C-alpha atoms as a PDB file:
ATOM      1  CA  MET A   1      32.730  70.728 214.443  1.00  0.00           C
ATOM      2  CA  ALA A   2      36.475  70.349 214.999  1.00  0.00           C
ATOM      3  CA  VAL A   3      37.757  66.828 215.191  1.00  0.00           C
ATOM      4  CA  ALA A   4      40.427  66.220 217.824  1.00  0.00           C
ATOM      5  CA  GLU A   5      43.485  64.482 216.492  1.00  0.00           C
ATOM      6  CA  ARG A   6      43.988  61.168 218.219  1.00  0.00           C
ATOM      7  CA  LYS A   7      47.455  60.706 219.676  1.00  0.00           C
ATOM      8  CA  THR A   8      49.366  57.476 219.364  1.00  0.00           C
ATOM      9  CA  LYS A   9      50.307  55.507 222.453  1.00  0.00           C
ATOM     10  CA  GLU A  10      53.899  56.713 222.082  1.00  0.00           C
ATOM     11  CA  GLU A  11      52.789  60.358 221.836  1.00  0.00           C
ATOM     12  CA  ARG A  12      50.683  59.960 224.981  1.00  0.00           C
ATOM     13  CA  ARG A  13      53.614  58.243 226.721  1.00  0.00           C
ATOM     14  CA  GLU A  14      55.879  61.186 225.865  1.00  0.00           C
ATOM     15  CA  ALA A  15      53.229  63.638 227.078  1.00  0.00           C
ATOM     16  CA  VAL A  16      53.047  61.786 230.390  1.00  0.00           C
ATOM     17  CA  LEU A  17      56.844  61.825 230.703  1.00  0.00           C
ATOM     18  CA  ASP A  18      56.880  65.583 230.018  1.00  0.00           C
ATOM     19  CA  ALA A  19      54.142  66.221 232.574  1.00  0.00           C
ATOM     20  CA  ALA A  20      55.747  63.901 235.123  1.00  0.00           C
ATOM     21  CA  LEU A  21      59.086  65.683 234.724  1.00  0.00           C
ATOM     22  CA  GLU A  22      57.466  68.927 235.830  1.00  0.00           C
ATOM     23  CA  VAL A  23      55.547  67.404 238.716  1.00  0.00           C
ATOM     24  CA  PHE A  24      58.427  65.270 240.001  1.00  0.00           C
ATOM     25  CA  ALA A  25      60.788  68.246 239.722  1.00  0.00           C
ATOM     26  CA  ALA A  26      58.466  70.346 241.855  1.00  0.00           C
ATOM     27  CA  ASP A  27      57.306  67.743 244.373  1.00  0.00           C
ATOM     28  CA  GLY A  28      59.802  64.882 244.319  1.00  0.00           C
ATOM     29  CA  PHE A  29      58.971  61.219 244.054  1.00  0.00           C
ATOM     30  CA  SER A  30      57.119  60.978 247.358  1.00  0.00           C
ATOM     31  CA  GLY A  31      55.196  64.236 247.027  1.00  0.00           C
ATOM     32  CA  ALA A  32      54.161  63.896 243.396  1.00  0.00           C
ATOM     33  CA  SER A  33      50.600  62.953 242.548  1.00  0.00           C
ATOM     34  CA  THR A  34      49.760  60.732 239.600  1.00  0.00           C
ATOM     35  CA  GLU A  35      46.434  62.588 239.453  1.00  0.00           C
ATOM     36  CA  GLU A  36      48.276  65.848 238.819  1.00  0.00           C
ATOM     37  CA  ILE A  37      50.551  64.183 236.263  1.00  0.00           C
ATOM     38  CA  ALA A  38      47.551  62.733 234.421  1.00  0.00           C
ATOM     39  CA  ALA A  39      45.723  66.076 234.415  1.00  0.00           C
ATOM     40  CA  LYS A  40      48.829  67.882 233.132  1.00  0.00           C
ATOM     41  CA  ALA A  41      49.204  65.281 230.374  1.00  0.00           C
ATOM     42  CA  GLY A  42      45.519  65.488 229.469  1.00  0.00           C
ATOM     43  CA  ILE A  43      44.792  61.821 230.110  1.00  0.00           C
ATOM     44  CA  SER A  44      43.118  59.770 232.831  1.00  0.00           C
ATOM     45  CA  GLN A  45      44.986  58.556 235.875  1.00  0.00           C
ATOM     46  CA  PRO A  46      44.244  54.897 235.067  1.00  0.00           C
ATOM     47  CA  TYR A  47      45.904  55.416 231.678  1.00  0.00           C
ATOM     48  CA  VAL A  48      49.090  56.616 233.439  1.00  0.00           C
ATOM     49  CA  PHE A  49      49.139  53.289 235.261  1.00  0.00           C
ATOM     50  CA  ARG A  50      48.374  51.396 232.065  1.00  0.00           C
ATOM     51  CA  LEU A  51      51.407  53.026 230.443  1.00  0.00           C
ATOM     52  CA  PHE A  52      53.861  52.763 233.357  1.00  0.00           C
ATOM     53  CA  GLY A  53      52.444  50.323 235.898  1.00  0.00           C
ATOM     54  CA  THR A  54      53.407  52.254 239.026  1.00  0.00           C
ATOM     55  CA  LYS A  55      54.426  55.736 240.064  1.00  0.00           C
ATOM     56  CA  LYS A  56      57.913  54.381 240.747  1.00  0.00           C
ATOM     57  CA  GLU A  57      58.209  53.009 237.210  1.00  0.00           C
ATOM     58  CA  LEU A  58      57.126  56.399 235.887  1.00  0.00           C
ATOM     59  CA  PHE A  59      59.730  58.153 238.063  1.00  0.00           C
ATOM     60  CA  LYS A  60      62.408  55.735 236.847  1.00  0.00           C
ATOM     61  CA  ALA A  61      61.379  56.367 233.224  1.00  0.00           C
ATOM     62  CA  VAL A  62      61.561  60.149 233.710  1.00  0.00           C
ATOM     63  CA  THR A  63      64.933  59.877 235.435  1.00  0.00           C
ATOM     64  CA  GLY A  64      66.340  57.569 232.774  1.00  0.00           C
ATOM     65  CA  ARG A  65      65.155  59.878 230.014  1.00  0.00           C
ATOM     66  CA  CYS A  66      66.760  62.898 231.709  1.00  0.00           C
ATOM     67  CA  PHE A  67      70.116  61.136 231.883  1.00  0.00           C
ATOM     68  CA  ARG A  68      69.827  59.976 228.243  1.00  0.00           C
ATOM     69  CA  GLU A  69      69.030  63.511 227.102  1.00  0.00           C
ATOM     70  CA  THR A  70      71.966  64.866 229.107  1.00  0.00           C
ATOM     71  CA  LEU A  71      74.249  62.283 227.494  1.00  0.00           C
ATOM     72  CA  GLU A  72      72.938  63.232 224.043  1.00  0.00           C
ATOM     73  CA  THR A  73      73.666  66.889 224.823  1.00  0.00           C
ATOM     74  CA  PHE A  74      77.207  65.949 225.854  1.00  0.00           C
ATOM     75  CA  GLN A  75      77.661  63.933 222.656  1.00  0.00           C
ATOM     76  CA  ARG A  76      76.443  66.738 220.388  1.00  0.00           C
ATOM     77  CA  ALA A  77      78.629  69.275 222.177  1.00  0.00           C
ATOM     78  CA  ALA A  78      81.804  67.195 221.975  1.00  0.00           C
ATOM     79  CA  GLU A  79      81.268  65.936 218.442  1.00  0.00           C
ATOM     80  CA  GLY A  80      84.598  65.869 216.595  1.00  0.00           C
ATOM     81  CA  GLN A  81      86.588  66.950 219.651  1.00  0.00           C
ATOM     82  CA  ARG A  82      88.834  65.111 222.082  1.00  0.00           C
ATOM     83  CA  GLY A  83      90.712  65.785 225.282  1.00  0.00           C
ATOM     84  CA  GLN A  84      90.381  69.053 227.151  1.00  0.00           C
ATOM     85  CA  LYS A  85      88.565  70.680 224.211  1.00  0.00           C
ATOM     86  CA  ALA A  86      85.823  68.045 224.450  1.00  0.00           C
ATOM     87  CA  LEU A  87      85.462  68.697 228.184  1.00  0.00           C
ATOM     88  CA  GLU A  88      85.241  72.430 227.593  1.00  0.00           C
ATOM     89  CA  ALA A  89      82.559  71.925 224.937  1.00  0.00           C
ATOM     90  CA  ILE A  90      80.570  69.648 227.269  1.00  0.00           C
ATOM     91  CA  GLY A  91      80.943  72.133 230.115  1.00  0.00           C
ATOM     92  CA  GLU A  92      79.706  74.992 227.944  1.00  0.00           C
ATOM     93  CA  ALA A  93      76.715  72.937 226.813  1.00  0.00           C
ATOM     94  CA  TYR A  94      75.918  72.005 230.385  1.00  0.00           C
ATOM     95  CA  THR A  95      76.142  75.535 231.750  1.00  0.00           C
ATOM     96  CA  GLY A  96      74.531  77.129 228.694  1.00  0.00           C
ATOM     97  CA  ARG A  97      71.678  74.729 227.953  1.00  0.00           C
ATOM     98  CA  LEU A  98      71.068  72.263 230.757  1.00  0.00           C
ATOM     99  CA  LEU A  99      71.841  74.164 233.940  1.00  0.00           C
ATOM    100  CA  PRO A 100      69.464  77.080 233.227  1.00  0.00           C
ATOM    101  CA  ASP A 101      66.576  74.630 232.764  1.00  0.00           C
ATOM    102  CA  ARG A 102      65.171  74.806 236.308  1.00  0.00           C
ATOM    103  CA  VAL A 103      62.756  71.936 235.705  1.00  0.00           C
ATOM    104  CA  ARG A 104      65.490  69.540 234.626  1.00  0.00           C
ATOM    105  CA  LEU A 105      67.840  70.802 237.318  1.00  0.00           C
ATOM    106  CA  ARG A 106      65.242  70.213 240.031  1.00  0.00           C
ATOM    107  CA  ALA A 107      64.315  66.821 238.560  1.00  0.00           C
ATOM    108  CA  GLN A 108      67.969  65.829 238.652  1.00  0.00           C
ATOM    109  CA  MET A 109      68.268  66.906 242.281  1.00  0.00           C
ATOM    110  CA  GLN A 110      65.054  65.021 243.134  1.00  0.00           C
ATOM    111  CA  ALA A 111      66.483  61.886 241.502  1.00  0.00           C
ATOM    112  CA  TYR A 112      69.596  62.063 243.691  1.00  0.00           C
ATOM    113  CA  ALA A 113      67.418  62.666 246.755  1.00  0.00           C
ATOM    114  CA  SER A 114      65.370  59.544 245.918  1.00  0.00           C
ATOM    115  CA  CYS A 115      68.346  57.197 245.953  1.00  0.00           C
ATOM    116  CA  ASP A 116      67.221  55.641 249.227  1.00  0.00           C
ATOM    117  CA  ASP A 117      65.039  53.484 247.003  1.00  0.00           C
ATOM    118  CA  PRO A 118      67.335  50.797 245.518  1.00  0.00           C
ATOM    119  CA  GLU A 119      65.474  50.632 242.186  1.00  0.00           C
ATOM    120  CA  ILE A 120      65.596  54.385 241.670  1.00  0.00           C
ATOM    121  CA  CYS A 121      69.200  54.453 242.825  1.00  0.00           C
ATOM    122  CA  GLU A 122      70.097  51.872 240.174  1.00  0.00           C
ATOM    123  CA  VAL A 123      68.605  54.077 237.423  1.00  0.00           C
ATOM    124  CA  VAL A 124      70.502  57.099 238.759  1.00  0.00           C
ATOM    125  CA  ARG A 125      73.754  55.123 239.024  1.00  0.00           C
ATOM    126  CA  GLN A 126      73.373  53.771 235.500  1.00  0.00           C
ATOM    127  CA  GLY A 127      72.596  57.179 234.032  1.00  0.00           C
ATOM    128  CA  TYR A 128      75.401  58.946 235.879  1.00  0.00           C
ATOM    129  CA  GLY A 129      77.765  56.089 235.056  1.00  0.00           C
ATOM    130  CA  ASP A 130      76.976  56.507 231.357  1.00  0.00           C
ATOM    131  CA  LEU A 131      77.876  60.205 231.612  1.00  0.00           C
ATOM    132  CA  VAL A 132      81.161  59.413 233.353  1.00  0.00           C
ATOM    133  CA  ALA A 133      82.053  56.676 230.853  1.00  0.00           C
ATOM    134  CA  TYR A 134      81.383  59.022 227.939  1.00  0.00           C
ATOM    135  CA  VAL A 135      83.449  61.843 229.429  1.00  0.00           C
ATOM    136  CA  GLU A 136      86.298  59.425 230.131  1.00  0.00           C
ATOM    137  CA  ARG A 137      86.165  58.073 226.596  1.00  0.00           C
ATOM    138  CA  VAL A 138      85.910  61.393 224.758  1.00  0.00           C
ATOM    139  CA  SER A 139      88.410  63.243 226.923  1.00  0.00           C
ATOM    140  CA  GLY A 140      90.977  60.504 227.405  1.00  0.00           C
ATOM    141  CA  LEU A 141      91.959  62.367 230.552  1.00  0.00           C
ATOM    142  CA  PRO A 142      93.101  60.764 233.811  1.00  0.00           C
ATOM    143  CA  PRO A 143      90.608  59.959 236.581  1.00  0.00           C
ATOM    144  CA  ALA A 144      91.574  63.011 238.661  1.00  0.00           C
ATOM    145  CA  ASP A 145      90.667  65.379 235.810  1.00  0.00           C
ATOM    146  CA  VAL A 146      87.388  63.586 235.122  1.00  0.00           C
ATOM    147  CA  SER A 147      86.548  63.680 238.847  1.00  0.00           C
ATOM    148  CA  ARG A 148      87.241  67.430 238.993  1.00  0.00           C
ATOM    149  CA  PHE A 149      85.026  67.943 235.965  1.00  0.00           C
ATOM    150  CA  PHE A 150      82.094  66.145 237.616  1.00  0.00           C
ATOM    151  CA  ALA A 151      82.762  67.754 240.998  1.00  0.00           C
ATOM    152  CA  LYS A 152      82.536  71.179 239.370  1.00  0.00           C
ATOM    153  CA  GLY A 153      79.322  70.121 237.643  1.00  0.00           C
ATOM    154  CA  MET A 154      77.758  69.072 240.928  1.00  0.00           C
ATOM    155  CA  LEU A 155      78.854  72.347 242.535  1.00  0.00           C
ATOM    156  CA  LEU A 156      77.259  74.203 239.621  1.00  0.00           C
ATOM    157  CA  ASN A 157      74.042  72.253 240.279  1.00  0.00           C
ATOM    158  CA  VAL A 158      74.054  73.423 243.885  1.00  0.00           C
ATOM    159  CA  ILE A 159      74.865  77.010 242.857  1.00  0.00           C
ATOM    160  CA  ALA A 160      72.028  76.989 240.316  1.00  0.00           C
ATOM    161  CA  SER A 161      69.621  75.382 242.793  1.00  0.00           C
ATOM    162  CA  MET A 162      70.283  78.184 245.279  1.00  0.00           C
ATOM    163  CA  ARG A 163      70.229  80.782 242.491  1.00  0.00           C
ATOM    164  CA  LEU A 164      73.546  82.159 243.710  1.00  0.00           C
ATOM    165  CA  GLU A 165      74.160  83.857 240.375  1.00  0.00           C
ATOM    166  CA  SER A 166      71.351  86.273 241.206  1.00  0.00           C
ATOM    167  CA  ILE A 167      72.393  87.346 244.704  1.00  0.00           C
ATOM    168  CA  ASP A 168      74.923  89.906 245.865  1.00  0.00           C
ATOM    169  CA  GLU A 169      76.928  88.001 248.449  1.00  0.00           C
ATOM    170  CA  PRO A 170      80.744  88.051 248.502  1.00  0.00           C
ATOM    171  CA  TRP A 171      81.001  84.325 249.293  1.00  0.00           C
ATOM    172  CA  ALA A 172      78.694  83.470 246.400  1.00  0.00           C
ATOM    173  CA  ASP A 173      80.688  85.692 244.049  1.00  0.00           C
ATOM    174  CA  ARG A 174      83.924  83.948 245.114  1.00  0.00           C
ATOM    175  CA  LEU A 175      82.377  80.530 244.592  1.00  0.00           C
ATOM    176  CA  LEU A 176      81.095  81.472 241.141  1.00  0.00           C
ATOM    177  CA  GLN A 177      84.443  82.995 240.180  1.00  0.00           C
ATOM    178  CA  GLY A 178      86.199  79.816 241.232  1.00  0.00           C
ATOM    179  CA  CYS A 179      84.017  77.800 238.888  1.00  0.00           C
ATOM    180  CA  LYS A 180      85.002  80.032 235.981  1.00  0.00           C
ATOM    181  CA  GLU A 181      88.721  79.504 236.510  1.00  0.00           C
END
């Protein structure tokens, strides 16, 4: 008889965060079910609440982790670089690794859409603020350049959300071309 390996509390917590990322990305904060998250994580629903307290706390934990992982990706990409070269490296990492991840992209968009809730909004603001502060620090560029960098990133999020890269529309082609310049 095979003996199932018992997971630690931290391993179960990470499994719940992974499952919740998928469910929240698909259904948003309001539409997500903790029952579905628990089933996807292979644990009971009461254990989800034991780990996180509320669905909102779970959503905040998922959102915070997404921003931390994005920041870590930025840091790895820009390691040893400064100025415009750092921004280019971050941009390549974002478009090459993070943007194609539809689950993370949708989770990010769901987090922005959930900012009517002040507690969720605070997590989003903090996470986004950390990204901005890092880009400012590593690039040393003026606010206008940093703003353009983030504006392009948000436009790329919208483009990826609509899957414009896979359609044959002149306006979409022009928009995509503009992002490459």
